[in-house]
Amino acid sequence: MKKTAKAAWSATGVVGLALSAAFVVSSLPANANVVAVTSPVSAGPAAHGQQYPDGPSSVDGSPLERCRRGTDYAVPSRNPVLDEPLNAGFQSNVGLSVKVQLEGGTSYGSRKLIFTNSSSAPVHTDCLVLKFRAPSGSVDHHYRASVQYGHPQQDYVEVPRGNGESHYIIRFGFHDVPPADRTIPVGQTWTYELAGSNQASMSLEATRDSVEVLADMNVGGNNWISQYGTKRLGN
């Protein structure tokens, strides 16, 4: 199952939307039409000391289900991300490497952010938030991982910059799977993919160097969502 999302542009030029998507088990297919790929860059500590939630799955309100559902936050009339300095180097609070790959073509293609857990411990991805810049108007967004997931979802907002690029802020949420299925083992990969037109409007390296990862380190959730606005759709 995969659901796509259509953007609704406001008078202020800010688009806010949410989607519920199946996170599909995948590795890079052998027959992928790879147009270009960047070199990987790394960030984050080798040992991160991340706390994991516990509790049963499939129980709304339990520690394990805290990001399955959440408060909806209105997208501000002027999103504060537009007034922040542009990030020019990959940042992460857990040990990861990332590279960006384009498949299909520049008129329409898939831009993939491919992450590898470079730390010495598994990375727990529930409530993790991604921020990055990519071409505006992405119409298809989904997550792929080397470990199977069940009923995962995402909070999502796109904030156009007016120059063919947008800020994207995405939070991952999971439901009905045990803790082991919400983590990326050491050395394993996960991919966030956007598809859309005008892929030539921004270089792959610029997207790679704009990426910020904020993993939930203390089972406290993530305040980036309330800051930038988003909406959660139920499973």
C-alpha atoms as a PDB file:
ATOM      1  CA  MET A   1       0.000   0.000   0.000  1.00  0.00           C
ATOM      2  CA  LYS A   2       1.223   3.474  -0.812  1.00  0.00           C
ATOM      3  CA  LYS A   3      -0.700   6.708  -0.557  1.00  0.00           C
ATOM      4  CA  THR A   4       0.330   9.894  -2.254  1.00  0.00           C
ATOM      5  CA  ALA A   5      -0.399  13.412  -1.101  1.00  0.00           C
ATOM      6  CA  LYS A   6      -1.572  16.394  -3.102  1.00  0.00           C
ATOM      7  CA  ALA A   7      -0.544  19.884  -2.016  1.00  0.00           C
ATOM      8  CA  ALA A   8      -2.970  22.728  -1.328  1.00  0.00           C
ATOM      9  CA  TRP A   9      -1.197  26.050  -1.860  1.00  0.00           C
ATOM     10  CA  SER A  10      -2.218  28.935   0.357  1.00  0.00           C
ATOM     11  CA  ALA A  11      -2.203  32.636  -0.438  1.00  0.00           C
ATOM     12  CA  THR A  12       0.975  33.001   1.591  1.00  0.00           C
ATOM     13  CA  GLY A  13       2.802  30.478  -0.576  1.00  0.00           C
ATOM     14  CA  VAL A  14       3.047  27.923   2.223  1.00  0.00           C
ATOM     15  CA  VAL A  15       1.759  24.427   1.798  1.00  0.00           C
ATOM     16  CA  GLY A  16       0.904  22.290   4.789  1.00  0.00           C
ATOM     17  CA  LEU A  17      -0.350  18.755   4.503  1.00  0.00           C
ATOM     18  CA  ALA A  18      -0.215  15.374   6.131  1.00  0.00           C
ATOM     19  CA  LEU A  19      -0.251  11.908   4.735  1.00  0.00           C
ATOM     20  CA  SER A  20      -0.484   8.364   5.938  1.00  0.00           C
ATOM     21  CA  ALA A  21       1.864   6.091   4.037  1.00  0.00           C
ATOM     22  CA  ALA A  22       3.045   2.521   4.161  1.00  0.00           C
ATOM     23  CA  PHE A  23       6.788   2.371   4.719  1.00  0.00           C
ATOM     24  CA  VAL A  24       7.877  -0.236   2.224  1.00  0.00           C
ATOM     25  CA  VAL A  25      10.588  -2.820   2.691  1.00  0.00           C
ATOM     26  CA  SER A  26      13.214  -2.083   0.095  1.00  0.00           C
ATOM     27  CA  SER A  27      16.800  -1.946  -0.929  1.00  0.00           C
ATOM     28  CA  LEU A  28      17.924  -0.072  -4.008  1.00  0.00           C
ATOM     29  CA  PRO A  29      16.658  -2.123  -6.957  1.00  0.00           C
ATOM     30  CA  ALA A  30      19.248  -3.484  -9.335  1.00  0.00           C
ATOM     31  CA  ASN A  31      17.408  -2.006 -12.315  1.00  0.00           C
ATOM     32  CA  ALA A  32      16.915   1.480 -10.857  1.00  0.00           C
ATOM     33  CA  ASN A  33      17.411   4.209 -13.446  1.00  0.00           C
ATOM     34  CA  VAL A  34      20.058   6.079 -11.446  1.00  0.00           C
ATOM     35  CA  VAL A  35      20.816   9.453 -12.988  1.00  0.00           C
ATOM     36  CA  ALA A  36      23.259  10.714 -10.356  1.00  0.00           C
ATOM     37  CA  VAL A  37      24.322  10.098  -6.784  1.00  0.00           C
ATOM     38  CA  THR A  38      26.349  12.146  -4.324  1.00  0.00           C
ATOM     39  CA  SER A  39      29.175  10.965  -2.133  1.00  0.00           C
ATOM     40  CA  PRO A  40      28.067  10.215   1.446  1.00  0.00           C
ATOM     41  CA  VAL A  41      28.685  12.558   4.361  1.00  0.00           C
ATOM     42  CA  SER A  42      28.522  11.694   8.048  1.00  0.00           C
ATOM     43  CA  ALA A  43      27.353  13.382  11.223  1.00  0.00           C
ATOM     44  CA  GLY A  44      26.414  12.555  14.783  1.00  0.00           C
ATOM     45  CA  PRO A  45      28.125  10.761  17.656  1.00  0.00           C
ATOM     46  CA  ALA A  46      29.374   7.190  17.415  1.00  0.00           C
ATOM     47  CA  ALA A  47      27.656   6.356  20.720  1.00  0.00           C
ATOM     48  CA  HIS A  48      24.351   8.122  21.225  1.00  0.00           C
ATOM     49  CA  GLY A  49      22.805   6.682  24.421  1.00  0.00           C
ATOM     50  CA  GLN A  50      19.277   6.868  23.023  1.00  0.00           C
ATOM     51  CA  GLN A  51      16.444   5.770  25.305  1.00  0.00           C
ATOM     52  CA  TYR A  52      13.810   3.517  23.776  1.00  0.00           C
ATOM     53  CA  PRO A  53      10.138   3.465  24.778  1.00  0.00           C
ATOM     54  CA  ASP A  54       8.628   0.252  26.071  1.00  0.00           C
ATOM     55  CA  GLY A  55       5.148  -1.123  26.392  1.00  0.00           C
ATOM     56  CA  PRO A  56       2.830  -3.177  24.199  1.00  0.00           C
ATOM     57  CA  SER A  57       2.110  -2.308  20.590  1.00  0.00           C
ATOM     58  CA  SER A  58      -1.450  -1.650  19.378  1.00  0.00           C
ATOM     59  CA  VAL A  59      -2.365   0.244  22.558  1.00  0.00           C
ATOM     60  CA  ASP A  60      -3.097   3.904  21.928  1.00  0.00           C
ATOM     61  CA  GLY A  61      -1.544   6.110  24.577  1.00  0.00           C
ATOM     62  CA  SER A  62       1.116   3.613  25.631  1.00  0.00           C
ATOM     63  CA  PRO A  63       4.770   4.739  25.591  1.00  0.00           C
ATOM     64  CA  LEU A  64       5.295   2.697  22.445  1.00  0.00           C
ATOM     65  CA  GLU A  65       2.464   4.418  20.578  1.00  0.00           C
ATOM     66  CA  ARG A  66       3.139   8.034  21.500  1.00  0.00           C
ATOM     67  CA  CYS A  67       3.843   9.197  17.938  1.00  0.00           C
ATOM     68  CA  ARG A  68       1.111   7.202  16.254  1.00  0.00           C
ATOM     69  CA  ARG A  69      -1.261  10.028  17.078  1.00  0.00           C
ATOM     70  CA  GLY A  70      -0.443  13.561  18.060  1.00  0.00           C
ATOM     71  CA  THR A  71      -1.663  17.091  18.362  1.00  0.00           C
ATOM     72  CA  ASP A  72      -2.348  18.897  15.096  1.00  0.00           C
ATOM     73  CA  TYR A  73      -0.449  22.170  14.839  1.00  0.00           C
ATOM     74  CA  ALA A  74      -1.535  24.905  12.433  1.00  0.00           C
ATOM     75  CA  VAL A  75       1.001  25.970   9.820  1.00  0.00           C
ATOM     76  CA  PRO A  76       1.957  29.581  10.661  1.00  0.00           C
ATOM     77  CA  SER A  77       1.066  32.340   8.187  1.00  0.00           C
ATOM     78  CA  ARG A  78       4.820  32.825   7.795  1.00  0.00           C
ATOM     79  CA  ASN A  79       6.632  29.669   8.686  1.00  0.00           C
ATOM     80  CA  PRO A  80       9.610  30.312  10.985  1.00  0.00           C
ATOM     81  CA  VAL A  81      11.785  27.989   8.906  1.00  0.00           C
ATOM     82  CA  LEU A  82      11.893  30.750   6.274  1.00  0.00           C
ATOM     83  CA  ASP A  83      13.707  33.066   8.689  1.00  0.00           C
ATOM     84  CA  GLU A  84      16.320  30.531   9.783  1.00  0.00           C
ATOM     85  CA  PRO A  85      19.829  30.444   8.269  1.00  0.00           C
ATOM     86  CA  LEU A  86      20.087  27.824   5.529  1.00  0.00           C
ATOM     87  CA  ASN A  87      21.753  24.690   6.771  1.00  0.00           C
ATOM     88  CA  ALA A  88      24.908  24.047   4.728  1.00  0.00           C
ATOM     89  CA  GLY A  89      26.167  20.802   6.252  1.00  0.00           C
ATOM     90  CA  PHE A  90      24.531  17.524   7.291  1.00  0.00           C
ATOM     91  CA  GLN A  91      23.590  17.520  10.978  1.00  0.00           C
ATOM     92  CA  SER A  92      22.337  14.684  13.167  1.00  0.00           C
ATOM     93  CA  ASN A  93      22.075  13.917  16.861  1.00  0.00           C
ATOM     94  CA  VAL A  94      22.661  10.192  16.160  1.00  0.00           C
ATOM     95  CA  GLY A  95      25.441   8.648  14.100  1.00  0.00           C
ATOM     96  CA  LEU A  96      24.353   8.524  10.459  1.00  0.00           C
ATOM     97  CA  SER A  97      25.719   8.968   6.972  1.00  0.00           C
ATOM     98  CA  VAL A  98      23.589  10.236   4.094  1.00  0.00           C
ATOM     99  CA  LYS A  99      23.846  10.417   0.335  1.00  0.00           C
ATOM    100  CA  VAL A 100      21.284  11.654  -2.200  1.00  0.00           C
ATOM    101  CA  GLN A 101      20.397   9.762  -5.352  1.00  0.00           C
ATOM    102  CA  LEU A 102      18.291  10.812  -8.353  1.00  0.00           C
ATOM    103  CA  GLU A 103      16.382   8.192 -10.309  1.00  0.00           C
ATOM    104  CA  GLY A 104      14.282   8.673 -13.431  1.00  0.00           C
ATOM    105  CA  GLY A 105      15.287  12.066 -14.813  1.00  0.00           C
ATOM    106  CA  THR A 106      15.499  15.783 -14.176  1.00  0.00           C
ATOM    107  CA  SER A 107      12.118  16.685 -15.715  1.00  0.00           C
ATOM    108  CA  TYR A 108      10.460  14.145 -13.403  1.00  0.00           C
ATOM    109  CA  GLY A 109      12.273  11.847 -11.038  1.00  0.00           C
ATOM    110  CA  SER A 110      12.717  10.454  -7.540  1.00  0.00           C
ATOM    111  CA  ARG A 111      15.150  12.154  -5.175  1.00  0.00           C
ATOM    112  CA  LYS A 112      16.223   9.661  -2.491  1.00  0.00           C
ATOM    113  CA  LEU A 113      17.885  10.490   0.819  1.00  0.00           C
ATOM    114  CA  ILE A 114      19.725   7.263   1.690  1.00  0.00           C
ATOM    115  CA  PHE A 115      20.819   6.990   5.330  1.00  0.00           C
ATOM    116  CA  THR A 116      23.113   4.417   6.935  1.00  0.00           C
ATOM    117  CA  ASN A 117      23.401   3.854  10.678  1.00  0.00           C
ATOM    118  CA  SER A 118      27.096   4.574  11.228  1.00  0.00           C
ATOM    119  CA  SER A 119      26.885   4.528  15.022  1.00  0.00           C
ATOM    120  CA  SER A 120      27.726   1.683  17.382  1.00  0.00           C
ATOM    121  CA  ALA A 121      24.100   1.108  18.447  1.00  0.00           C
ATOM    122  CA  PRO A 122      20.693   0.763  16.801  1.00  0.00           C
ATOM    123  CA  VAL A 123      18.905   4.021  15.997  1.00  0.00           C
ATOM    124  CA  HIS A 124      15.287   4.244  17.128  1.00  0.00           C
ATOM    125  CA  THR A 125      13.281   6.072  14.452  1.00  0.00           C
ATOM    126  CA  ASP A 126       9.880   6.577  16.083  1.00  0.00           C
ATOM    127  CA  CYS A 127       9.282  10.351  16.478  1.00  0.00           C
ATOM    128  CA  LEU A 128      12.423  11.089  14.431  1.00  0.00           C
ATOM    129  CA  VAL A 129      12.173  14.320  12.402  1.00  0.00           C
ATOM    130  CA  LEU A 130      13.872  15.148   9.088  1.00  0.00           C
ATOM    131  CA  LYS A 131      14.424  18.673   7.771  1.00  0.00           C
ATOM    132  CA  PHE A 132      15.894  19.301   4.335  1.00  0.00           C
ATOM    133  CA  ARG A 133      15.505  21.304   1.140  1.00  0.00           C
ATOM    134  CA  ALA A 134      14.492  19.852  -2.211  1.00  0.00           C
ATOM    135  CA  PRO A 135      12.623  20.933  -5.374  1.00  0.00           C
ATOM    136  CA  SER A 136       9.158  22.317  -4.654  1.00  0.00           C
ATOM    137  CA  GLY A 137       5.929  20.483  -5.352  1.00  0.00           C
ATOM    138  CA  SER A 138       6.814  16.896  -4.494  1.00  0.00           C
ATOM    139  CA  VAL A 139       3.771  14.718  -5.114  1.00  0.00           C
ATOM    140  CA  ASP A 140       4.932  11.375  -3.722  1.00  0.00           C
ATOM    141  CA  HIS A 141       6.755  10.789  -0.458  1.00  0.00           C
ATOM    142  CA  HIS A 142       7.574   7.531   1.280  1.00  0.00           C
ATOM    143  CA  TYR A 143      10.045   5.718   3.491  1.00  0.00           C
ATOM    144  CA  ARG A 144      11.876   2.508   2.693  1.00  0.00           C
ATOM    145  CA  ALA A 145      14.006   0.474   5.065  1.00  0.00           C
ATOM    146  CA  SER A 146      16.101  -2.659   5.203  1.00  0.00           C
ATOM    147  CA  VAL A 147      13.961  -3.853   8.139  1.00  0.00           C
ATOM    148  CA  GLN A 148      10.230  -4.427   7.689  1.00  0.00           C
ATOM    149  CA  TYR A 149       7.801  -2.039   9.399  1.00  0.00           C
ATOM    150  CA  GLY A 150       4.088  -2.281  10.102  1.00  0.00           C
ATOM    151  CA  HIS A 151       1.553   0.564   9.917  1.00  0.00           C
ATOM    152  CA  PRO A 152       4.063   3.425   9.934  1.00  0.00           C
ATOM    153  CA  GLN A 153       2.933   6.970   9.283  1.00  0.00           C
ATOM    154  CA  GLN A 154       4.355  10.444   8.893  1.00  0.00           C
ATOM    155  CA  ASP A 155       3.606  14.045   9.723  1.00  0.00           C
ATOM    156  CA  TYR A 156       4.542  16.273   6.832  1.00  0.00           C
ATOM    157  CA  VAL A 157       4.801  19.926   5.858  1.00  0.00           C
ATOM    158  CA  GLU A 158       6.303  21.634   2.806  1.00  0.00           C
ATOM    159  CA  VAL A 159       7.283  25.317   2.945  1.00  0.00           C
ATOM    160  CA  PRO A 160       8.164  26.800  -0.477  1.00  0.00           C
ATOM    161  CA  ARG A 161      11.011  29.327  -0.584  1.00  0.00           C
ATOM    162  CA  GLY A 162       9.786  30.911  -3.830  1.00  0.00           C
ATOM    163  CA  ASN A 163      12.858  29.989  -5.882  1.00  0.00           C
ATOM    164  CA  GLY A 164      11.862  26.491  -6.961  1.00  0.00           C
ATOM    165  CA  GLU A 165      13.032  24.992  -3.655  1.00  0.00           C
ATOM    166  CA  SER A 166      11.088  24.055  -0.534  1.00  0.00           C
ATOM    167  CA  HIS A 167      11.823  23.204   3.051  1.00  0.00           C
ATOM    168  CA  TYR A 168      10.442  19.789   3.995  1.00  0.00           C
ATOM    169  CA  ILE A 169       9.819  18.798   7.626  1.00  0.00           C
ATOM    170  CA  ILE A 170       8.758  15.194   8.260  1.00  0.00           C
ATOM    171  CA  ARG A 171       8.204  13.266  11.480  1.00  0.00           C
ATOM    172  CA  PHE A 172       7.972   9.465  11.473  1.00  0.00           C
ATOM    173  CA  GLY A 173       5.424   7.625  13.596  1.00  0.00           C
ATOM    174  CA  PHE A 174       4.836   3.892  13.964  1.00  0.00           C
ATOM    175  CA  HIS A 175       1.952   1.721  15.105  1.00  0.00           C
ATOM    176  CA  ASP A 176       1.357  -1.921  15.879  1.00  0.00           C
ATOM    177  CA  VAL A 177       4.966  -3.120  15.698  1.00  0.00           C
ATOM    178  CA  PRO A 178       7.436  -4.086  18.454  1.00  0.00           C
ATOM    179  CA  PRO A 179      10.439  -1.905  19.363  1.00  0.00           C
ATOM    180  CA  ALA A 180      12.846  -3.929  17.207  1.00  0.00           C
ATOM    181  CA  ASP A 181      10.843  -2.995  14.100  1.00  0.00           C
ATOM    182  CA  ARG A 182      11.168   0.718  14.904  1.00  0.00           C
ATOM    183  CA  THR A 183      14.949   0.692  14.846  1.00  0.00           C
ATOM    184  CA  ILE A 184      17.715   0.668  12.241  1.00  0.00           C
ATOM    185  CA  PRO A 185      20.481  -1.791  13.183  1.00  0.00           C
ATOM    186  CA  VAL A 186      24.135  -0.831  12.987  1.00  0.00           C
ATOM    187  CA  GLY A 187      25.241  -0.655   9.367  1.00  0.00           C
ATOM    188  CA  GLN A 188      21.707  -0.916   7.954  1.00  0.00           C
ATOM    189  CA  THR A 189      19.997   1.635   5.735  1.00  0.00           C
ATOM    190  CA  TRP A 190      16.756   3.556   5.413  1.00  0.00           C
ATOM    191  CA  THR A 191      15.612   5.846   2.629  1.00  0.00           C
ATOM    192  CA  TYR A 192      13.266   8.804   2.381  1.00  0.00           C
ATOM    193  CA  GLU A 193      12.079   9.399  -1.163  1.00  0.00           C
ATOM    194  CA  LEU A 194      10.353  12.320  -2.891  1.00  0.00           C
ATOM    195  CA  ALA A 195       9.131  12.281  -6.469  1.00  0.00           C
ATOM    196  CA  GLY A 196       8.277  15.277  -8.593  1.00  0.00           C
ATOM    197  CA  SER A 197       9.169  17.497 -11.502  1.00  0.00           C
ATOM    198  CA  ASN A 198      11.858  20.173 -11.870  1.00  0.00           C
ATOM    199  CA  GLN A 199      14.591  18.045 -10.324  1.00  0.00           C
ATOM    200  CA  ALA A 200      17.187  20.266 -12.024  1.00  0.00           C
ATOM    201  CA  SER A 201      16.095  23.250  -9.915  1.00  0.00           C
ATOM    202  CA  MET A 202      18.358  22.155  -7.040  1.00  0.00           C
ATOM    203  CA  SER A 203      21.508  20.057  -6.953  1.00  0.00           C
ATOM    204  CA  LEU A 204      21.656  16.755  -5.126  1.00  0.00           C
ATOM    205  CA  GLU A 205      24.619  18.040  -3.108  1.00  0.00           C
ATOM    206  CA  ALA A 206      22.580  21.031  -1.922  1.00  0.00           C
ATOM    207  CA  THR A 207      19.843  18.704  -0.709  1.00  0.00           C
ATOM    208  CA  ARG A 208      22.366  16.417   1.004  1.00  0.00           C
ATOM    209  CA  ASP A 209      24.062  19.299   2.807  1.00  0.00           C
ATOM    210  CA  SER A 210      20.730  20.749   3.964  1.00  0.00           C
ATOM    211  CA  VAL A 211      19.671  17.622   5.854  1.00  0.00           C
ATOM    212  CA  GLU A 212      19.074  17.784   9.598  1.00  0.00           C
ATOM    213  CA  VAL A 213      18.037  14.748  11.663  1.00  0.00           C
ATOM    214  CA  LEU A 214      16.562  15.109  15.124  1.00  0.00           C
ATOM    215  CA  ALA A 215      15.933  11.724  16.730  1.00  0.00           C
ATOM    216  CA  ASP A 216      13.935  11.467  19.936  1.00  0.00           C
ATOM    217  CA  MET A 217      16.627  10.759  22.536  1.00  0.00           C
ATOM    218  CA  ASN A 218      14.631  10.594  25.787  1.00  0.00           C
ATOM    219  CA  VAL A 219      11.120   9.372  24.864  1.00  0.00           C
ATOM    220  CA  GLY A 220      10.000  12.986  24.991  1.00  0.00           C
ATOM    221  CA  GLY A 221       8.682  13.417  21.446  1.00  0.00           C
ATOM    222  CA  ASN A 222       9.877  16.246  19.231  1.00  0.00           C
ATOM    223  CA  ASN A 223       9.107  19.957  19.446  1.00  0.00           C
ATOM    224  CA  TRP A 224      10.026  20.724  15.822  1.00  0.00           C
ATOM    225  CA  ILE A 225       6.500  19.664  14.848  1.00  0.00           C
ATOM    226  CA  SER A 226       4.756  22.280  16.997  1.00  0.00           C
ATOM    227  CA  GLN A 227       7.213  24.923  15.811  1.00  0.00           C
ATOM    228  CA  TYR A 228       6.698  24.461  12.082  1.00  0.00           C
ATOM    229  CA  GLY A 229       3.141  23.140  12.026  1.00  0.00           C
ATOM    230  CA  THR A 230       1.829  19.820  10.752  1.00  0.00           C
ATOM    231  CA  LYS A 231      -1.132  17.476  10.839  1.00  0.00           C
ATOM    232  CA  ARG A 232      -1.390  13.788  11.669  1.00  0.00           C
ATOM    233  CA  LEU A 233      -3.752  11.496   9.827  1.00  0.00           C
ATOM    234  CA  GLY A 234      -4.848   8.349  11.628  1.00  0.00           C
ATOM    235  CA  ASN A 235      -3.760   4.950  10.354  1.00  0.00           C
END
